[in-house]
Amino acid sequence: MGKLVALILLGAGLALVGERFLTLRERMNVYREVESVEPQNCHLIEGIENGSEDIDILPSGLAFISNGLKYPGMPDFAPDEPGRIFLMDLNEQNPRVQELNISNGFDKASFNPHGMSTFIDKDQTVYLYVVNHPHMDSTVEIFKFEEQQHSLVYLKTIKHELLKSVNDIVILGPEQFYATRDRYFTNFFLMLLEWFMDLRWTQVLFYSPGEVKVVARGFGSANGITISLDKKHFASGMLCLRSPR
């Protein structure tokens, strides 16, 4: 009897592994044939060859670029260098990047920038919100952009128990934003299990100083996020949702 139960459990386990394998192959489009296309008007931007995760463009044409993300399961092309924020002027014929100095006591050695979003107040002051993963934690850093000095002034770090494995944010107002979580677990091996089992536990969060809450859930991985101009709808990955605010 014991051997029969063991065989049943083994068969069920192998069936589950096989089903997960086929499902993941389909999700990753491994059967799709990709044709090589020669880029027409693209050229390499020197200075950010180690990989950049996000870009946020101001109405003026200035663009912020996050660089040097270190994340479990991702290749790291510059393991000994901290993350940085670059500035690029898209109005130039041949745009170049310039690293922005970060002042006011910010811990640059542990800087690990991910998604970003900007907010411009009524005085046209630009604030840059950056998802940061210092020591594989998740925080949101707030900077003020000093255009004349080409620098960022560190203002504040936002941290909350719900802001785990944050991927991206979109700003609504001063210290108000939506944030996506690309994984539920923070342990690397549990993250692999979550991915393999296709556990749809990740969420979209709303943050403000007076309230932090989950506004959407049930995703395999909530990635980048953006919001409509009227702030009535936001989109994350392949999903478009009505803003609950």
C-alpha atoms as a PDB file:
ATOM      1  CA  MET A   1       0.000   0.000   0.000  1.00  0.00           C
ATOM      2  CA  GLY A   2       2.815   2.362   0.898  1.00  0.00           C
ATOM      3  CA  LYS A   3       4.562   1.752  -2.437  1.00  0.00           C
ATOM      4  CA  LEU A   4       1.328   2.432  -4.327  1.00  0.00           C
ATOM      5  CA  VAL A   5       0.834   5.754  -2.528  1.00  0.00           C
ATOM      6  CA  ALA A   6       4.458   6.671  -3.230  1.00  0.00           C
ATOM      7  CA  LEU A   7       4.031   5.867  -6.943  1.00  0.00           C
ATOM      8  CA  ILE A   8       0.818   7.911  -7.090  1.00  0.00           C
ATOM      9  CA  LEU A   9       2.527  10.887  -5.451  1.00  0.00           C
ATOM     10  CA  LEU A  10       5.529  10.545  -7.757  1.00  0.00           C
ATOM     11  CA  GLY A  11       3.287  10.394 -10.813  1.00  0.00           C
ATOM     12  CA  ALA A  12       1.320  13.432  -9.663  1.00  0.00           C
ATOM     13  CA  GLY A  13       4.553  15.331  -9.003  1.00  0.00           C
ATOM     14  CA  LEU A  14       5.978  14.515 -12.436  1.00  0.00           C
ATOM     15  CA  ALA A  15       2.692  15.489 -14.079  1.00  0.00           C
ATOM     16  CA  LEU A  16       2.756  18.825 -12.249  1.00  0.00           C
ATOM     17  CA  VAL A  17       6.365  19.468 -13.283  1.00  0.00           C
ATOM     18  CA  GLY A  18       5.530  18.605 -16.892  1.00  0.00           C
ATOM     19  CA  GLU A  19       2.473  20.854 -16.916  1.00  0.00           C
ATOM     20  CA  ARG A  20       4.465  23.747 -15.396  1.00  0.00           C
ATOM     21  CA  PHE A  21       7.259  23.265 -17.920  1.00  0.00           C
ATOM     22  CA  LEU A  22       4.879  23.365 -20.908  1.00  0.00           C
ATOM     23  CA  THR A  23       2.999  26.361 -19.502  1.00  0.00           C
ATOM     24  CA  LEU A  24       6.199  28.331 -18.941  1.00  0.00           C
ATOM     25  CA  ARG A  25       7.467  27.460 -22.431  1.00  0.00           C
ATOM     26  CA  GLU A  26       4.243  28.841 -23.866  1.00  0.00           C
ATOM     27  CA  ARG A  27       4.384  31.999 -21.701  1.00  0.00           C
ATOM     28  CA  MET A  28       7.972  32.652 -22.769  1.00  0.00           C
ATOM     29  CA  ASN A  29       7.083  32.245 -26.477  1.00  0.00           C
ATOM     30  CA  VAL A  30       9.855  29.698 -27.059  1.00  0.00           C
ATOM     31  CA  TYR A  31       8.069  28.419 -30.162  1.00  0.00           C
ATOM     32  CA  ARG A  32       7.945  31.853 -31.779  1.00  0.00           C
ATOM     33  CA  GLU A  33      10.311  32.470 -34.661  1.00  0.00           C
ATOM     34  CA  VAL A  34      11.952  35.875 -34.436  1.00  0.00           C
ATOM     35  CA  GLU A  35      13.239  37.503 -37.594  1.00  0.00           C
ATOM     36  CA  SER A  36      16.352  39.643 -37.393  1.00  0.00           C
ATOM     37  CA  VAL A  37      15.656  43.308 -38.185  1.00  0.00           C
ATOM     38  CA  GLU A  38      18.433  45.809 -38.808  1.00  0.00           C
ATOM     39  CA  PRO A  39      17.834  49.006 -36.779  1.00  0.00           C
ATOM     40  CA  GLN A  40      17.493  52.083 -38.969  1.00  0.00           C
ATOM     41  CA  ASN A  41      18.247  55.212 -36.931  1.00  0.00           C
ATOM     42  CA  CYS A  42      19.735  53.753 -33.758  1.00  0.00           C
ATOM     43  CA  HIS A  43      23.169  54.361 -32.335  1.00  0.00           C
ATOM     44  CA  LEU A  44      24.944  53.351 -29.158  1.00  0.00           C
ATOM     45  CA  ILE A  45      24.925  55.889 -26.328  1.00  0.00           C
ATOM     46  CA  GLU A  46      28.349  55.727 -24.758  1.00  0.00           C
ATOM     47  CA  GLY A  47      28.593  55.687 -20.979  1.00  0.00           C
ATOM     48  CA  ILE A  48      25.678  53.405 -20.179  1.00  0.00           C
ATOM     49  CA  GLU A  49      26.926  50.191 -21.792  1.00  0.00           C
ATOM     50  CA  ASN A  50      26.483  48.281 -18.513  1.00  0.00           C
ATOM     51  CA  GLY A  51      22.718  48.364 -18.910  1.00  0.00           C
ATOM     52  CA  SER A  52      19.923  50.767 -18.000  1.00  0.00           C
ATOM     53  CA  GLU A  53      16.559  49.780 -16.533  1.00  0.00           C
ATOM     54  CA  ASP A  54      14.305  52.815 -16.920  1.00  0.00           C
ATOM     55  CA  ILE A  55      13.971  56.217 -18.581  1.00  0.00           C
ATOM     56  CA  ASP A  56      11.689  59.137 -17.733  1.00  0.00           C
ATOM     57  CA  ILE A  57      11.397  62.077 -20.128  1.00  0.00           C
ATOM     58  CA  LEU A  58      10.420  65.616 -19.125  1.00  0.00           C
ATOM     59  CA  PRO A  59       8.279  67.845 -21.395  1.00  0.00           C
ATOM     60  CA  SER A  60      11.448  69.886 -22.068  1.00  0.00           C
ATOM     61  CA  GLY A  61      13.126  66.874 -23.680  1.00  0.00           C
ATOM     62  CA  LEU A  62      15.501  66.145 -20.801  1.00  0.00           C
ATOM     63  CA  ALA A  63      15.587  62.453 -19.937  1.00  0.00           C
ATOM     64  CA  PHE A  64      16.598  60.707 -16.719  1.00  0.00           C
ATOM     65  CA  ILE A  65      18.122  57.229 -17.127  1.00  0.00           C
ATOM     66  CA  SER A  66      18.676  54.738 -14.298  1.00  0.00           C
ATOM     67  CA  ASN A  67      21.794  52.611 -14.633  1.00  0.00           C
ATOM     68  CA  GLY A  68      23.448  49.661 -12.894  1.00  0.00           C
ATOM     69  CA  LEU A  69      20.523  47.662 -11.531  1.00  0.00           C
ATOM     70  CA  LYS A  70      21.585  44.571  -9.588  1.00  0.00           C
ATOM     71  CA  TYR A  71      18.720  42.120  -9.144  1.00  0.00           C
ATOM     72  CA  PRO A  72      18.468  38.367  -8.425  1.00  0.00           C
ATOM     73  CA  GLY A  73      18.574  36.318 -11.602  1.00  0.00           C
ATOM     74  CA  MET A  74      19.753  39.200 -13.796  1.00  0.00           C
ATOM     75  CA  PRO A  75      23.250  39.495 -15.313  1.00  0.00           C
ATOM     76  CA  ASP A  76      25.464  42.089 -13.643  1.00  0.00           C
ATOM     77  CA  PHE A  77      27.935  43.750 -16.020  1.00  0.00           C
ATOM     78  CA  ALA A  78      29.519  46.012 -13.405  1.00  0.00           C
ATOM     79  CA  PRO A  79      29.333  44.223 -10.039  1.00  0.00           C
ATOM     80  CA  ASP A  80      31.768  46.574  -8.313  1.00  0.00           C
ATOM     81  CA  GLU A  81      30.045  49.806  -9.362  1.00  0.00           C
ATOM     82  CA  PRO A  82      27.021  51.352  -7.602  1.00  0.00           C
ATOM     83  CA  GLY A  83      23.958  52.451  -9.514  1.00  0.00           C
ATOM     84  CA  ARG A  84      23.773  55.892 -11.067  1.00  0.00           C
ATOM     85  CA  ILE A  85      21.329  58.332 -12.636  1.00  0.00           C
ATOM     86  CA  PHE A  86      22.222  59.899 -15.981  1.00  0.00           C
ATOM     87  CA  LEU A  87      20.785  62.901 -17.781  1.00  0.00           C
ATOM     88  CA  MET A  88      20.371  63.116 -21.553  1.00  0.00           C
ATOM     89  CA  ASP A  89      19.059  66.017 -23.652  1.00  0.00           C
ATOM     90  CA  LEU A  90      16.946  64.577 -26.457  1.00  0.00           C
ATOM     91  CA  ASN A  91      16.909  67.967 -28.189  1.00  0.00           C
ATOM     92  CA  GLU A  92      20.545  67.484 -29.201  1.00  0.00           C
ATOM     93  CA  GLN A  93      21.323  66.044 -32.604  1.00  0.00           C
ATOM     94  CA  ASN A  94      23.690  63.508 -31.062  1.00  0.00           C
ATOM     95  CA  PRO A  95      22.508  63.090 -27.460  1.00  0.00           C
ATOM     96  CA  ARG A  96      25.082  62.197 -24.828  1.00  0.00           C
ATOM     97  CA  VAL A  97      24.648  61.164 -21.225  1.00  0.00           C
ATOM     98  CA  GLN A  98      25.980  62.964 -18.176  1.00  0.00           C
ATOM     99  CA  GLU A  99      26.053  61.411 -14.719  1.00  0.00           C
ATOM    100  CA  LEU A 100      24.122  63.421 -12.148  1.00  0.00           C
ATOM    101  CA  ASN A 101      25.846  64.046  -8.853  1.00  0.00           C
ATOM    102  CA  ILE A 102      23.700  63.212  -5.812  1.00  0.00           C
ATOM    103  CA  SER A 103      24.187  65.469  -2.803  1.00  0.00           C
ATOM    104  CA  ASN A 104      22.845  65.981   0.700  1.00  0.00           C
ATOM    105  CA  GLY A 105      24.220  62.876   2.375  1.00  0.00           C
ATOM    106  CA  PHE A 106      22.695  60.179   0.176  1.00  0.00           C
ATOM    107  CA  ASP A 107      24.298  56.702   0.471  1.00  0.00           C
ATOM    108  CA  LYS A 108      25.578  56.376  -3.100  1.00  0.00           C
ATOM    109  CA  ALA A 109      27.580  53.210  -2.384  1.00  0.00           C
ATOM    110  CA  SER A 110      24.402  51.117  -1.947  1.00  0.00           C
ATOM    111  CA  PHE A 111      22.391  52.863  -4.680  1.00  0.00           C
ATOM    112  CA  ASN A 112      20.606  50.268  -6.822  1.00  0.00           C
ATOM    113  CA  PRO A 113      18.053  52.144  -8.977  1.00  0.00           C
ATOM    114  CA  HIS A 114      15.119  50.472 -10.705  1.00  0.00           C
ATOM    115  CA  GLY A 115      11.952  52.215 -11.985  1.00  0.00           C
ATOM    116  CA  MET A 116      11.551  56.014 -11.914  1.00  0.00           C
ATOM    117  CA  SER A 117       8.896  58.706 -12.214  1.00  0.00           C
ATOM    118  CA  THR A 118       8.966  62.510 -12.165  1.00  0.00           C
ATOM    119  CA  PHE A 119       6.685  65.124 -10.642  1.00  0.00           C
ATOM    120  CA  ILE A 120       6.662  68.836 -11.581  1.00  0.00           C
ATOM    121  CA  ASP A 121       5.048  71.210  -9.078  1.00  0.00           C
ATOM    122  CA  LYS A 122       3.316  74.540  -9.744  1.00  0.00           C
ATOM    123  CA  ASP A 123       6.673  76.338  -9.502  1.00  0.00           C
ATOM    124  CA  GLN A 124       8.091  74.053 -12.232  1.00  0.00           C
ATOM    125  CA  THR A 125      10.418  72.364  -9.756  1.00  0.00           C
ATOM    126  CA  VAL A 126      11.215  68.817 -10.883  1.00  0.00           C
ATOM    127  CA  TYR A 127      11.221  65.960  -8.373  1.00  0.00           C
ATOM    128  CA  LEU A 128      12.553  62.533  -9.295  1.00  0.00           C
ATOM    129  CA  TYR A 129      11.208  59.450  -7.500  1.00  0.00           C
ATOM    130  CA  VAL A 130      13.427  56.384  -7.843  1.00  0.00           C
ATOM    131  CA  VAL A 131      12.797  52.784  -6.776  1.00  0.00           C
ATOM    132  CA  ASN A 132      15.938  51.688  -4.951  1.00  0.00           C
ATOM    133  CA  HIS A 133      17.095  48.238  -3.818  1.00  0.00           C
ATOM    134  CA  PRO A 134      19.845  48.859  -1.247  1.00  0.00           C
ATOM    135  CA  HIS A 135      21.089  45.482  -0.024  1.00  0.00           C
ATOM    136  CA  MET A 136      18.189  43.901  -1.995  1.00  0.00           C
ATOM    137  CA  ASP A 137      15.603  45.786   0.061  1.00  0.00           C
ATOM    138  CA  SER A 138      13.000  48.091  -1.541  1.00  0.00           C
ATOM    139  CA  THR A 139      12.703  51.814  -0.903  1.00  0.00           C
ATOM    140  CA  VAL A 140      11.587  54.873  -2.857  1.00  0.00           C
ATOM    141  CA  GLU A 141      14.047  57.775  -2.916  1.00  0.00           C
ATOM    142  CA  ILE A 142      12.929  61.361  -3.533  1.00  0.00           C
ATOM    143  CA  PHE A 143      15.310  63.841  -5.189  1.00  0.00           C
ATOM    144  CA  LYS A 144      15.002  67.437  -6.342  1.00  0.00           C
ATOM    145  CA  PHE A 145      16.518  68.108  -9.742  1.00  0.00           C
ATOM    146  CA  GLU A 146      18.875  71.097  -9.949  1.00  0.00           C
ATOM    147  CA  GLU A 147      19.117  71.719 -13.702  1.00  0.00           C
ATOM    148  CA  GLN A 148      21.744  74.463 -13.560  1.00  0.00           C
ATOM    149  CA  GLN A 149      24.071  72.338 -11.418  1.00  0.00           C
ATOM    150  CA  HIS A 150      23.160  69.100 -13.247  1.00  0.00           C
ATOM    151  CA  SER A 151      22.655  67.404  -9.903  1.00  0.00           C
ATOM    152  CA  LEU A 152      20.099  65.708  -7.684  1.00  0.00           C
ATOM    153  CA  VAL A 153      19.485  66.822  -4.112  1.00  0.00           C
ATOM    154  CA  TYR A 154      18.456  63.943  -1.873  1.00  0.00           C
ATOM    155  CA  LEU A 155      15.296  64.774   0.106  1.00  0.00           C
ATOM    156  CA  LYS A 156      13.741  61.664   1.609  1.00  0.00           C
ATOM    157  CA  THR A 157      13.533  57.860   1.690  1.00  0.00           C
ATOM    158  CA  ILE A 158      10.113  56.171   1.718  1.00  0.00           C
ATOM    159  CA  LYS A 159       9.887  52.670   3.169  1.00  0.00           C
ATOM    160  CA  HIS A 160       6.834  50.577   4.046  1.00  0.00           C
ATOM    161  CA  GLU A 161       6.122  46.924   4.797  1.00  0.00           C
ATOM    162  CA  LEU A 162       3.974  46.651   1.639  1.00  0.00           C
ATOM    163  CA  LEU A 163       6.686  48.135  -0.577  1.00  0.00           C
ATOM    164  CA  LYS A 164       8.539  44.873  -1.200  1.00  0.00           C
ATOM    165  CA  SER A 165      10.067  43.749  -4.516  1.00  0.00           C
ATOM    166  CA  VAL A 166       8.972  47.046  -6.056  1.00  0.00           C
ATOM    167  CA  ASN A 167       9.530  47.275  -9.801  1.00  0.00           C
ATOM    168  CA  ASP A 168       8.180  50.641 -10.911  1.00  0.00           C
ATOM    169  CA  ILE A 169       6.184  53.660  -9.757  1.00  0.00           C
ATOM    170  CA  VAL A 170       4.090  56.430 -11.286  1.00  0.00           C
ATOM    171  CA  ILE A 171       3.672  59.707  -9.405  1.00  0.00           C
ATOM    172  CA  LEU A 172       0.271  61.315  -8.789  1.00  0.00           C
ATOM    173  CA  GLY A 173       1.330  64.204  -6.560  1.00  0.00           C
ATOM    174  CA  PRO A 174       3.734  65.059  -3.743  1.00  0.00           C
ATOM    175  CA  GLU A 175       4.538  61.699  -2.066  1.00  0.00           C
ATOM    176  CA  GLN A 176       1.584  60.014  -3.761  1.00  0.00           C
ATOM    177  CA  PHE A 177       2.160  57.205  -6.223  1.00  0.00           C
ATOM    178  CA  TYR A 178       1.176  53.802  -7.542  1.00  0.00           C
ATOM    179  CA  ALA A 179       3.810  51.070  -7.282  1.00  0.00           C
ATOM    180  CA  THR A 180       4.095  47.598  -8.795  1.00  0.00           C
ATOM    181  CA  ARG A 181       5.560  44.490  -7.203  1.00  0.00           C
ATOM    182  CA  ASP A 182       7.191  42.084  -9.639  1.00  0.00           C
ATOM    183  CA  ARG A 183       7.507  39.302  -7.043  1.00  0.00           C
ATOM    184  CA  TYR A 184       5.832  38.371  -3.776  1.00  0.00           C
ATOM    185  CA  PHE A 185       8.855  36.687  -2.205  1.00  0.00           C
ATOM    186  CA  THR A 186      12.168  38.456  -1.634  1.00  0.00           C
ATOM    187  CA  ASN A 187      14.224  35.269  -1.105  1.00  0.00           C
ATOM    188  CA  PHE A 188      15.844  34.274  -4.417  1.00  0.00           C
ATOM    189  CA  PHE A 189      14.987  30.561  -4.193  1.00  0.00           C
ATOM    190  CA  LEU A 190      11.392  31.313  -3.195  1.00  0.00           C
ATOM    191  CA  MET A 191      11.241  33.745  -6.122  1.00  0.00           C
ATOM    192  CA  LEU A 192      12.246  30.896  -8.455  1.00  0.00           C
ATOM    193  CA  LEU A 193       9.561  28.666  -6.929  1.00  0.00           C
ATOM    194  CA  GLU A 194       7.002  31.455  -7.322  1.00  0.00           C
ATOM    195  CA  TRP A 195       7.951  31.853 -10.981  1.00  0.00           C
ATOM    196  CA  PHE A 196       7.931  28.108 -11.654  1.00  0.00           C
ATOM    197  CA  MET A 197       4.573  27.528  -9.955  1.00  0.00           C
ATOM    198  CA  ASP A 198       3.083  30.609 -11.668  1.00  0.00           C
ATOM    199  CA  LEU A 199       1.793  31.925  -8.347  1.00  0.00           C
ATOM    200  CA  ARG A 200      -0.245  35.043  -9.073  1.00  0.00           C
ATOM    201  CA  TRP A 201       0.405  36.812  -5.806  1.00  0.00           C
ATOM    202  CA  THR A 202       1.913  40.132  -6.904  1.00  0.00           C
ATOM    203  CA  GLN A 203       0.105  43.426  -6.532  1.00  0.00           C
ATOM    204  CA  VAL A 204      -0.286  47.068  -7.468  1.00  0.00           C
ATOM    205  CA  LEU A 205      -0.134  49.429  -4.491  1.00  0.00           C
ATOM    206  CA  PHE A 206      -1.238  52.977  -3.760  1.00  0.00           C
ATOM    207  CA  TYR A 207       0.981  55.003  -1.446  1.00  0.00           C
ATOM    208  CA  SER A 208       0.402  58.329   0.289  1.00  0.00           C
ATOM    209  CA  PRO A 209       1.624  59.575   3.683  1.00  0.00           C
ATOM    210  CA  GLY A 210      -1.830  58.948   5.145  1.00  0.00           C
ATOM    211  CA  GLU A 211      -2.744  55.682   3.423  1.00  0.00           C
ATOM    212  CA  VAL A 212      -1.027  52.651   1.887  1.00  0.00           C
ATOM    213  CA  LYS A 213      -3.179  49.952   0.316  1.00  0.00           C
ATOM    214  CA  VAL A 214      -3.374  47.231  -2.326  1.00  0.00           C
ATOM    215  CA  VAL A 215      -5.491  48.419  -5.261  1.00  0.00           C
ATOM    216  CA  ALA A 216      -5.064  45.418  -7.608  1.00  0.00           C
ATOM    217  CA  ARG A 217      -3.849  41.872  -7.078  1.00  0.00           C
ATOM    218  CA  GLY A 218      -3.602  38.458  -8.704  1.00  0.00           C
ATOM    219  CA  PHE A 219      -0.738  39.081 -11.158  1.00  0.00           C
ATOM    220  CA  GLY A 220       2.058  36.689 -12.077  1.00  0.00           C
ATOM    221  CA  SER A 221       4.379  39.696 -12.188  1.00  0.00           C
ATOM    222  CA  ALA A 222       3.352  43.356 -12.095  1.00  0.00           C
ATOM    223  CA  ASN A 223       6.060  45.135 -14.077  1.00  0.00           C
ATOM    224  CA  GLY A 224       6.227  48.716 -15.353  1.00  0.00           C
ATOM    225  CA  ILE A 225       3.344  51.104 -14.773  1.00  0.00           C
ATOM    226  CA  THR A 226       1.953  54.279 -16.322  1.00  0.00           C
ATOM    227  CA  ILE A 227      -1.193  56.377 -15.932  1.00  0.00           C
ATOM    228  CA  SER A 228      -3.523  58.238 -18.282  1.00  0.00           C
ATOM    229  CA  LEU A 229      -3.373  62.033 -18.479  1.00  0.00           C
ATOM    230  CA  ASP A 230      -6.728  62.365 -16.703  1.00  0.00           C
ATOM    231  CA  LYS A 231      -5.426  60.010 -13.977  1.00  0.00           C
ATOM    232  CA  LYS A 232      -8.532  57.808 -14.303  1.00  0.00           C
ATOM    233  CA  HIS A 233      -6.787  54.685 -15.623  1.00  0.00           C
ATOM    234  CA  PHE A 234      -3.409  53.103 -15.068  1.00  0.00           C
ATOM    235  CA  ALA A 235      -1.718  50.289 -16.948  1.00  0.00           C
ATOM    236  CA  SER A 236       0.773  47.720 -15.721  1.00  0.00           C
ATOM    237  CA  GLY A 237       2.220  45.198 -18.141  1.00  0.00           C
ATOM    238  CA  MET A 238      -0.676  43.926 -20.274  1.00  0.00           C
ATOM    239  CA  LEU A 239      -3.364  45.218 -17.908  1.00  0.00           C
ATOM    240  CA  CYS A 240      -5.434  48.401 -17.980  1.00  0.00           C
ATOM    241  CA  LEU A 241      -7.307  49.220 -14.774  1.00  0.00           C
ATOM    242  CA  ARG A 242      -9.526  52.022 -13.575  1.00  0.00           C
ATOM    243  CA  SER A 243      -7.930  54.152 -10.891  1.00  0.00           C
ATOM    244  CA  PRO A 244      -9.689  53.607  -7.548  1.00  0.00           C
ATOM    245  CA  ARG A 245      -8.993  57.179  -6.474  1.00  0.00           C
END
